[in-house]
Amino acid sequence: MPDASTLAQWGLPGLFLVAAVAGSILAAPSEAVLAALVYGGVSPGLAVAVATGGNVLGSITVYLLGRWVAAGGGGPVGRWVRRREAREGPRLARARARLATWGAPVLALAWVPVVGDVFVLAAGLVGVRWGPFIAFVTLGKGLRYLFVALSALAARQAGISP
């Protein structure tokens, strides 16, 4: 993947691309690209909307992987989940039941590195409905990008150079 400065030169399409990749199970510098664009004069609201949309799209791919694993597929991830279920059956069943009942709000933390991907995958495994999934993932990721954008805007206005 190109570095953050190259992606920032691509503008909003580059931001969308890097945010979508970052929302999947891969690491990408979406916050850096967002900050560079806002610092460079792109509308913070537009940049936050583009980054959030791309990042939510990436999370949907992880959610769909969870649904695929739950249906019996998933390749290596599916095999790992099935081995884990065989070892920790009752405990994992209780955790799944709790996530299915109360878990959608925890998806607001889907932006947290590593742990967020686990929450999103688990949401797919237990079949969290689309509406709550999209709402909470979008809320968490949008607030994170808003914080980054406002920080970049404040740095620009204060004359702090990158």
N, C-alpha and C. Protein backbone atom coordinates (compact mmCIF):
# COMPACT_ATOMS: atom_id res chain seq x y z
N MET A 1 0.85 -1.17 0.00
CA MET A 1 0.00 0.00 0.00
C MET A 1 0.90 1.23 0.00
N PRO A 2 0.55 2.26 -0.80
CA PRO A 2 1.33 3.49 -0.81
C PRO A 2 1.32 4.15 0.57
N ASP A 3 2.29 5.03 0.79
CA ASP A 3 2.35 5.71 2.09
C ASP A 3 1.26 6.78 2.21
N ALA A 4 1.12 7.33 3.41
CA ALA A 4 0.02 8.27 3.70
C ALA A 4 0.10 9.53 2.84
N SER A 5 1.31 10.04 2.58
CA SER A 5 1.41 11.27 1.78
C SER A 5 0.96 11.03 0.34
N THR A 6 1.27 9.87 -0.21
CA THR A 6 0.81 9.54 -1.57
C THR A 6 -0.69 9.42 -1.60
N LEU A 7 -1.25 8.75 -0.61
CA LEU A 7 -2.70 8.59 -0.56
C LEU A 7 -3.39 9.94 -0.37
N ALA A 8 -2.78 10.83 0.38
CA ALA A 8 -3.35 12.17 0.56
C ALA A 8 -3.36 12.93 -0.77
N GLN A 9 -2.36 12.68 -1.61
CA GLN A 9 -2.33 13.31 -2.93
C GLN A 9 -3.47 12.81 -3.81
N TRP A 10 -3.94 11.61 -3.55
CA TRP A 10 -5.07 11.06 -4.29
C TRP A 10 -6.38 11.72 -3.87
N GLY A 11 -6.36 12.51 -2.80
CA GLY A 11 -7.54 13.23 -2.35
C GLY A 11 -8.57 12.33 -1.69
N LEU A 12 -9.82 12.68 -1.87
CA LEU A 12 -10.91 11.94 -1.22
C LEU A 12 -11.01 10.49 -1.72
N PRO A 13 -10.77 10.20 -3.01
CA PRO A 13 -10.78 8.78 -3.41
C PRO A 13 -9.70 7.97 -2.69
N GLY A 14 -8.52 8.57 -2.48
CA GLY A 14 -7.48 7.88 -1.73
C GLY A 14 -7.87 7.66 -0.28
N LEU A 15 -8.53 8.67 0.30
CA LEU A 15 -9.01 8.54 1.67
C LEU A 15 -10.03 7.41 1.78
N PHE A 16 -10.97 7.34 0.84
CA PHE A 16 -11.97 6.29 0.86
C PHE A 16 -11.30 4.92 0.76
N LEU A 17 -10.34 4.78 -0.15
CA LEU A 17 -9.64 3.51 -0.33
C LEU A 17 -8.91 3.08 0.93
N VAL A 18 -8.12 3.99 1.50
CA VAL A 18 -7.34 3.62 2.69
C VAL A 18 -8.26 3.35 3.88
N ALA A 19 -9.36 4.07 3.98
CA ALA A 19 -10.30 3.84 5.08
C ALA A 19 -10.99 2.49 4.93
N ALA A 20 -11.32 2.11 3.69
CA ALA A 20 -11.94 0.80 3.47
C ALA A 20 -10.98 -0.32 3.83
N VAL A 21 -9.73 -0.18 3.44
CA VAL A 21 -8.72 -1.20 3.78
C VAL A 21 -8.54 -1.25 5.30
N ALA A 22 -8.46 -0.08 5.94
CA ALA A 22 -8.28 -0.03 7.39
C ALA A 22 -9.46 -0.62 8.14
N GLY A 23 -10.65 -0.57 7.55
CA GLY A 23 -11.83 -1.14 8.20
C GLY A 23 -11.88 -2.66 8.11
N SER A 24 -11.08 -3.23 7.22
CA SER A 24 -11.01 -4.68 7.11
C SER A 24 -10.00 -5.18 8.15
N ILE A 25 -9.50 -6.38 7.97
CA ILE A 25 -8.55 -6.92 8.94
C ILE A 25 -7.12 -6.47 8.66
N LEU A 26 -6.92 -5.61 7.67
CA LEU A 26 -5.59 -5.10 7.33
C LEU A 26 -5.36 -3.74 7.99
N ALA A 27 -4.12 -3.43 8.25
CA ALA A 27 -3.78 -2.13 8.82
C ALA A 27 -3.49 -1.13 7.70
N ALA A 28 -3.97 0.09 7.86
CA ALA A 28 -3.73 1.15 6.89
C ALA A 28 -3.81 2.49 7.60
N PRO A 29 -3.08 3.51 7.11
CA PRO A 29 -2.99 4.80 7.82
C PRO A 29 -4.14 5.76 7.51
N SER A 30 -5.36 5.34 7.75
CA SER A 30 -6.50 6.18 7.38
C SER A 30 -6.55 7.49 8.17
N GLU A 31 -6.19 7.46 9.44
CA GLU A 31 -6.22 8.68 10.24
C GLU A 31 -5.19 9.69 9.73
N ALA A 32 -4.02 9.20 9.33
CA ALA A 32 -2.98 10.09 8.82
C ALA A 32 -3.42 10.76 7.52
N VAL A 33 -4.05 9.99 6.65
CA VAL A 33 -4.53 10.55 5.38
C VAL A 33 -5.62 11.58 5.65
N LEU A 34 -6.55 11.25 6.53
CA LEU A 34 -7.62 12.19 6.88
C LEU A 34 -7.03 13.48 7.44
N ALA A 35 -6.11 13.36 8.38
CA ALA A 35 -5.50 14.54 8.98
C ALA A 35 -4.77 15.38 7.93
N ALA A 36 -4.04 14.73 7.03
CA ALA A 36 -3.32 15.46 5.99
C ALA A 36 -4.28 16.22 5.08
N LEU A 37 -5.38 15.59 4.72
CA LEU A 37 -6.34 16.25 3.84
C LEU A 37 -7.00 17.45 4.53
N VAL A 38 -7.42 17.26 5.78
CA VAL A 38 -8.06 18.36 6.51
C VAL A 38 -7.06 19.48 6.74
N TYR A 39 -5.84 19.14 7.11
CA TYR A 39 -4.80 20.14 7.32
C TYR A 39 -4.54 20.90 6.03
N GLY A 40 -4.66 20.20 4.90
CA GLY A 40 -4.44 20.81 3.59
C GLY A 40 -5.61 21.62 3.07
N GLY A 41 -6.74 21.62 3.77
CA GLY A 41 -7.84 22.48 3.37
C GLY A 41 -9.11 21.79 2.93
N VAL A 42 -9.13 20.47 2.89
CA VAL A 42 -10.36 19.75 2.53
C VAL A 42 -11.39 19.95 3.65
N SER A 43 -12.63 20.09 3.28
CA SER A 43 -13.70 20.26 4.26
C SER A 43 -13.69 19.12 5.28
N PRO A 44 -13.60 19.44 6.58
CA PRO A 44 -13.59 18.38 7.59
C PRO A 44 -14.84 17.50 7.54
N GLY A 45 -16.01 18.11 7.33
CA GLY A 45 -17.24 17.32 7.28
C GLY A 45 -17.23 16.33 6.13
N LEU A 46 -16.79 16.78 4.95
CA LEU A 46 -16.74 15.89 3.79
C LEU A 46 -15.70 14.79 4.00
N ALA A 47 -14.55 15.15 4.53
CA ALA A 47 -13.50 14.16 4.77
C ALA A 47 -13.95 13.11 5.79
N VAL A 48 -14.62 13.54 6.85
CA VAL A 48 -15.12 12.60 7.85
C VAL A 48 -16.16 11.67 7.23
N ALA A 49 -17.05 12.21 6.41
CA ALA A 49 -18.08 11.38 5.77
C ALA A 49 -17.44 10.34 4.85
N VAL A 50 -16.46 10.74 4.06
CA VAL A 50 -15.80 9.81 3.13
C VAL A 50 -15.04 8.73 3.90
N ALA A 51 -14.28 9.14 4.91
CA ALA A 51 -13.50 8.17 5.70
C ALA A 51 -14.43 7.21 6.43
N THR A 52 -15.49 7.72 7.01
CA THR A 52 -16.42 6.87 7.74
C THR A 52 -17.09 5.88 6.80
N GLY A 53 -17.52 6.35 5.64
CA GLY A 53 -18.15 5.45 4.66
C GLY A 53 -17.21 4.34 4.23
N GLY A 54 -15.97 4.68 3.92
CA GLY A 54 -15.00 3.65 3.52
C GLY A 54 -14.71 2.68 4.63
N ASN A 55 -14.56 3.19 5.86
CA ASN A 55 -14.23 2.34 6.99
C ASN A 55 -15.37 1.41 7.34
N VAL A 56 -16.60 1.88 7.26
CA VAL A 56 -17.76 1.03 7.51
C VAL A 56 -17.85 -0.06 6.44
N LEU A 57 -17.56 0.30 5.20
CA LEU A 57 -17.55 -0.71 4.13
C LEU A 57 -16.53 -1.80 4.43
N GLY A 58 -15.35 -1.42 4.92
CA GLY A 58 -14.35 -2.41 5.31
C GLY A 58 -14.85 -3.30 6.43
N SER A 59 -15.55 -2.72 7.40
CA SER A 59 -16.10 -3.51 8.51
C SER A 59 -17.17 -4.49 8.03
N ILE A 60 -17.90 -4.08 7.02
CA ILE A 60 -18.92 -4.98 6.47
C ILE A 60 -18.26 -6.24 5.92
N THR A 61 -17.07 -6.12 5.34
CA THR A 61 -16.40 -7.32 4.83
C THR A 61 -16.04 -8.28 5.97
N VAL A 62 -15.62 -7.73 7.11
CA VAL A 62 -15.29 -8.57 8.26
C VAL A 62 -16.57 -9.20 8.83
N TYR A 63 -17.64 -8.42 8.90
CA TYR A 63 -18.94 -8.93 9.36
C TYR A 63 -19.39 -10.10 8.46
N LEU A 64 -19.28 -9.91 7.15
CA LEU A 64 -19.69 -10.96 6.22
C LEU A 64 -18.81 -12.20 6.35
N LEU A 65 -17.52 -12.01 6.69
CA LEU A 65 -16.67 -13.16 6.97
C LEU A 65 -17.22 -13.93 8.17
N GLY A 66 -17.64 -13.21 9.20
CA GLY A 66 -18.25 -13.87 10.36
C GLY A 66 -19.51 -14.63 9.98
N ARG A 67 -20.34 -14.05 9.14
CA ARG A 67 -21.55 -14.75 8.69
C ARG A 67 -21.19 -16.01 7.91
N TRP A 68 -20.16 -15.91 7.07
CA TRP A 68 -19.72 -17.06 6.27
C TRP A 68 -19.20 -18.17 7.18
N VAL A 69 -18.41 -17.80 8.19
CA VAL A 69 -17.90 -18.79 9.14
C VAL A 69 -19.07 -19.44 9.88
N ALA A 70 -20.05 -18.64 10.28
CA ALA A 70 -21.21 -19.18 11.00
C ALA A 70 -21.99 -20.17 10.13
N ALA A 71 -21.93 -19.99 8.82
CA ALA A 71 -22.64 -20.89 7.90
C ALA A 71 -21.81 -22.12 7.55
N GLY A 72 -20.60 -22.24 8.14
CA GLY A 72 -19.78 -23.42 7.91
C GLY A 72 -18.59 -23.20 7.00
N GLY A 73 -18.39 -22.03 6.50
CA GLY A 73 -17.25 -21.75 5.62
C GLY A 73 -16.16 -21.00 6.36
N GLY A 74 -15.44 -20.18 5.63
CA GLY A 74 -14.47 -19.30 6.27
C GLY A 74 -13.03 -19.71 6.19
N GLY A 75 -12.72 -20.82 5.54
CA GLY A 75 -11.32 -21.21 5.39
C GLY A 75 -10.60 -21.31 6.72
N PRO A 76 -9.38 -20.75 6.82
CA PRO A 76 -8.59 -20.86 8.06
C PRO A 76 -9.29 -20.21 9.26
N VAL A 77 -9.98 -19.10 9.03
CA VAL A 77 -10.70 -18.45 10.14
C VAL A 77 -11.81 -19.37 10.64
N GLY A 78 -12.53 -19.98 9.72
CA GLY A 78 -13.60 -20.91 10.09
C GLY A 78 -13.07 -22.11 10.86
N ARG A 79 -11.94 -22.65 10.42
CA ARG A 79 -11.36 -23.79 11.13
C ARG A 79 -10.93 -23.38 12.54
N TRP A 80 -10.34 -22.18 12.67
CA TRP A 80 -9.93 -21.71 13.99
C TRP A 80 -11.15 -21.56 14.91
N VAL A 81 -12.24 -20.98 14.40
CA VAL A 81 -13.45 -20.80 15.21
C VAL A 81 -14.02 -22.15 15.61
N ARG A 82 -14.06 -23.09 14.70
CA ARG A 82 -14.62 -24.42 15.02
C ARG A 82 -13.76 -25.15 16.06
N ARG A 83 -12.42 -25.03 15.96
CA ARG A 83 -11.55 -25.64 16.98
C ARG A 83 -11.80 -25.00 18.34
N ARG A 84 -11.96 -23.70 18.33
CA ARG A 84 -12.22 -22.98 19.58
C ARG A 84 -13.56 -23.40 20.18
N GLU A 85 -14.57 -23.57 19.34
CA GLU A 85 -15.88 -24.02 19.83
C GLU A 85 -15.79 -25.41 20.44
N ALA A 86 -15.00 -26.29 19.83
CA ALA A 86 -14.85 -27.65 20.35
C ALA A 86 -14.19 -27.65 21.72
N ARG A 87 -13.22 -26.76 21.93
CA ARG A 87 -12.51 -26.70 23.21
C ARG A 87 -13.30 -26.02 24.30
N GLU A 88 -14.00 -24.94 23.94
CA GLU A 88 -14.66 -24.11 24.95
C GLU A 88 -16.14 -23.97 24.68
N GLY A 89 -16.78 -25.06 24.32
CA GLY A 89 -18.18 -25.05 23.91
C GLY A 89 -19.14 -24.26 24.79
N PRO A 90 -19.37 -24.66 26.07
CA PRO A 90 -20.36 -23.96 26.89
C PRO A 90 -20.00 -22.50 27.15
N ARG A 91 -18.74 -22.23 27.42
CA ARG A 91 -18.33 -20.85 27.70
C ARG A 91 -18.52 -19.97 26.46
N LEU A 92 -18.14 -20.48 25.31
CA LEU A 92 -18.30 -19.73 24.07
C LEU A 92 -19.78 -19.55 23.73
N ALA A 93 -20.59 -20.54 24.03
CA ALA A 93 -22.03 -20.43 23.78
C ALA A 93 -22.65 -19.33 24.63
N ARG A 94 -22.22 -19.22 25.89
CA ARG A 94 -22.71 -18.13 26.75
C ARG A 94 -22.28 -16.77 26.23
N ALA A 95 -21.03 -16.68 25.79
CA ALA A 95 -20.53 -15.40 25.24
C ALA A 95 -21.30 -15.01 23.99
N ARG A 96 -21.58 -15.98 23.14
CA ARG A 96 -22.36 -15.70 21.93
C ARG A 96 -23.77 -15.25 22.28
N ALA A 97 -24.38 -15.89 23.27
CA ALA A 97 -25.73 -15.52 23.68
C ALA A 97 -25.75 -14.08 24.21
N ARG A 98 -24.75 -13.73 25.01
CA ARG A 98 -24.67 -12.35 25.52
C ARG A 98 -24.47 -11.36 24.39
N LEU A 99 -23.62 -11.69 23.44
CA LEU A 99 -23.38 -10.78 22.32
C LEU A 99 -24.64 -10.64 21.48
N ALA A 100 -25.34 -11.72 21.26
CA ALA A 100 -26.57 -11.65 20.47
C ALA A 100 -27.62 -10.80 21.16
N THR A 101 -27.66 -10.86 22.49
CA THR A 101 -28.66 -10.11 23.24
C THR A 101 -28.26 -8.66 23.46
N TRP A 102 -27.04 -8.42 23.91
CA TRP A 102 -26.61 -7.09 24.34
C TRP A 102 -25.47 -6.51 23.53
N GLY A 103 -25.00 -7.23 22.55
CA GLY A 103 -23.73 -6.88 21.92
C GLY A 103 -23.70 -5.77 20.91
N ALA A 104 -24.80 -5.40 20.30
CA ALA A 104 -24.73 -4.39 19.25
C ALA A 104 -24.09 -3.08 19.71
N PRO A 105 -24.38 -2.55 20.90
CA PRO A 105 -23.73 -1.30 21.31
C PRO A 105 -22.20 -1.39 21.41
N VAL A 106 -21.67 -2.58 21.68
CA VAL A 106 -20.21 -2.71 21.77
C VAL A 106 -19.57 -2.45 20.39
N LEU A 107 -20.34 -2.52 19.34
CA LEU A 107 -19.81 -2.26 18.00
C LEU A 107 -19.42 -0.79 17.80
N ALA A 108 -19.83 0.08 18.71
CA ALA A 108 -19.35 1.46 18.66
C ALA A 108 -17.84 1.51 18.92
N LEU A 109 -17.29 0.42 19.44
CA LEU A 109 -15.85 0.32 19.67
C LEU A 109 -15.14 -0.42 18.54
N ALA A 110 -15.80 -0.57 17.41
CA ALA A 110 -15.22 -1.29 16.27
C ALA A 110 -13.98 -0.59 15.73
N TRP A 111 -13.76 0.66 16.07
CA TRP A 111 -12.60 1.40 15.61
C TRP A 111 -11.32 1.06 16.37
N VAL A 112 -11.43 0.44 17.53
CA VAL A 112 -10.27 0.13 18.36
C VAL A 112 -9.40 -0.91 17.62
N PRO A 113 -8.10 -0.64 17.48
CA PRO A 113 -7.25 -1.60 16.76
C PRO A 113 -7.33 -3.00 17.36
N VAL A 114 -7.32 -4.00 16.52
CA VAL A 114 -7.36 -5.43 16.80
C VAL A 114 -8.67 -5.85 17.46
N VAL A 115 -8.98 -5.31 18.62
CA VAL A 115 -10.18 -5.69 19.36
C VAL A 115 -11.44 -5.37 18.55
N GLY A 116 -11.44 -4.25 17.86
CA GLY A 116 -12.60 -3.87 17.06
C GLY A 116 -12.92 -4.88 15.99
N ASP A 117 -11.88 -5.42 15.34
CA ASP A 117 -12.10 -6.45 14.32
C ASP A 117 -12.72 -7.71 14.92
N VAL A 118 -12.30 -8.04 16.14
CA VAL A 118 -12.87 -9.20 16.82
C VAL A 118 -14.36 -8.97 17.11
N PHE A 119 -14.71 -7.77 17.56
CA PHE A 119 -16.11 -7.44 17.81
C PHE A 119 -16.94 -7.57 16.53
N VAL A 120 -16.41 -7.06 15.43
CA VAL A 120 -17.14 -7.09 14.16
C VAL A 120 -17.28 -8.53 13.67
N LEU A 121 -16.21 -9.31 13.74
CA LEU A 121 -16.28 -10.72 13.34
C LEU A 121 -17.29 -11.47 14.20
N ALA A 122 -17.25 -11.23 15.51
CA ALA A 122 -18.19 -11.89 16.42
C ALA A 122 -19.62 -11.49 16.11
N ALA A 123 -19.84 -10.23 15.74
CA ALA A 123 -21.19 -9.79 15.38
C ALA A 123 -21.70 -10.58 14.18
N GLY A 124 -20.83 -10.85 13.22
CA GLY A 124 -21.22 -11.67 12.09
C GLY A 124 -21.48 -13.12 12.50
N LEU A 125 -20.66 -13.64 13.41
CA LEU A 125 -20.83 -15.01 13.86
C LEU A 125 -22.18 -15.23 14.54
N VAL A 126 -22.60 -14.26 15.35
CA VAL A 126 -23.87 -14.45 16.07
C VAL A 126 -25.06 -13.90 15.31
N GLY A 127 -24.81 -13.23 14.20
CA GLY A 127 -25.92 -12.74 13.38
C GLY A 127 -26.58 -11.48 13.89
N VAL A 128 -25.76 -10.53 14.41
CA VAL A 128 -26.33 -9.23 14.79
C VAL A 128 -27.02 -8.65 13.56
N ARG A 129 -28.22 -8.12 13.75
CA ARG A 129 -28.99 -7.59 12.62
C ARG A 129 -28.28 -6.41 11.96
N TRP A 130 -28.57 -6.22 10.67
CA TRP A 130 -27.91 -5.19 9.88
C TRP A 130 -28.11 -3.79 10.44
N GLY A 131 -29.32 -3.45 10.83
CA GLY A 131 -29.59 -2.09 11.30
C GLY A 131 -28.73 -1.69 12.48
N PRO A 132 -28.77 -2.46 13.58
CA PRO A 132 -27.91 -2.12 14.72
C PRO A 132 -26.42 -2.19 14.37
N PHE A 133 -26.04 -3.16 13.54
CA PHE A 133 -24.63 -3.28 13.15
C PHE A 133 -24.17 -1.99 12.47
N ILE A 134 -24.87 -1.57 11.45
CA ILE A 134 -24.48 -0.37 10.70
C ILE A 134 -24.53 0.87 11.60
N ALA A 135 -25.57 0.99 12.41
CA ALA A 135 -25.72 2.17 13.26
C ALA A 135 -24.57 2.32 14.24
N PHE A 136 -24.24 1.27 14.97
CA PHE A 136 -23.21 1.37 16.00
C PHE A 136 -21.81 1.45 15.42
N VAL A 137 -21.54 0.70 14.36
CA VAL A 137 -20.23 0.78 13.72
C VAL A 137 -20.01 2.18 13.16
N THR A 138 -21.03 2.73 12.49
CA THR A 138 -20.92 4.07 11.91
C THR A 138 -20.74 5.12 13.01
N LEU A 139 -21.46 4.99 14.09
CA LEU A 139 -21.33 5.94 15.20
C LEU A 139 -19.89 5.96 15.73
N GLY A 140 -19.36 4.81 16.07
CA GLY A 140 -18.01 4.75 16.63
C GLY A 140 -16.95 5.23 15.67
N LYS A 141 -17.00 4.76 14.45
CA LYS A 141 -15.99 5.14 13.48
C LYS A 141 -16.11 6.61 13.10
N GLY A 142 -17.33 7.10 12.98
CA GLY A 142 -17.55 8.50 12.65
C GLY A 142 -17.03 9.43 13.74
N LEU A 143 -17.27 9.09 14.99
CA LEU A 143 -16.77 9.91 16.10
C LEU A 143 -15.24 9.93 16.15
N ARG A 144 -14.63 8.78 15.88
CA ARG A 144 -13.17 8.73 15.85
C ARG A 144 -12.63 9.64 14.76
N TYR A 145 -13.18 9.55 13.54
CA TYR A 145 -12.71 10.39 12.44
C TYR A 145 -13.02 11.87 12.69
N LEU A 146 -14.12 12.15 13.34
CA LEU A 146 -14.43 13.54 13.67
C LEU A 146 -13.37 14.11 14.61
N PHE A 147 -12.97 13.34 15.60
CA PHE A 147 -11.92 13.77 16.52
C PHE A 147 -10.62 14.05 15.78
N VAL A 148 -10.24 13.16 14.86
CA VAL A 148 -9.00 13.34 14.09
C VAL A 148 -9.10 14.59 13.23
N ALA A 149 -10.24 14.77 12.56
CA ALA A 149 -10.42 15.93 11.68
C ALA A 149 -10.37 17.24 12.47
N LEU A 150 -11.05 17.27 13.60
CA LEU A 150 -11.04 18.50 14.41
C LEU A 150 -9.64 18.79 14.97
N SER A 151 -8.91 17.75 15.28
CA SER A 151 -7.53 17.93 15.75
C SER A 151 -6.65 18.51 14.64
N ALA A 152 -6.80 18.01 13.43
CA ALA A 152 -6.02 18.51 12.29
C ALA A 152 -6.41 19.96 11.98
N LEU A 153 -7.69 20.24 12.07
CA LEU A 153 -8.17 21.62 11.82
C LEU A 153 -7.62 22.57 12.88
N ALA A 154 -7.62 22.15 14.13
CA ALA A 154 -7.07 22.99 15.21
C ALA A 154 -5.57 23.20 15.01
N ALA A 155 -4.86 22.16 14.59
CA ALA A 155 -3.42 22.30 14.35
C ALA A 155 -3.16 23.29 13.21
N ARG A 156 -3.96 23.21 12.16
CA ARG A 156 -3.80 24.15 11.03
C ARG A 156 -4.07 25.58 11.48
N GLN A 157 -5.14 25.78 12.25
CA GLN A 157 -5.48 27.12 12.69
C GLN A 157 -4.47 27.69 13.68
N ALA A 158 -3.83 26.80 14.44
CA ALA A 158 -2.83 27.24 15.40
C ALA A 158 -1.45 27.45 14.74
N GLY A 159 -1.36 27.07 13.48
CA GLY A 159 -0.10 27.24 12.76
C GLY A 159 0.95 26.20 13.08
N ILE A 160 0.50 25.07 13.61
CA ILE A 160 1.42 23.97 13.91
C ILE A 160 1.71 23.24 12.59
N SER A 161 2.98 23.13 12.24
CA SER A 161 3.31 22.47 10.98
C SER A 161 3.39 20.97 11.18
N PRO A 162 3.07 20.22 10.11
CA PRO A 162 3.10 18.74 10.22
C PRO A 162 4.48 18.19 10.35
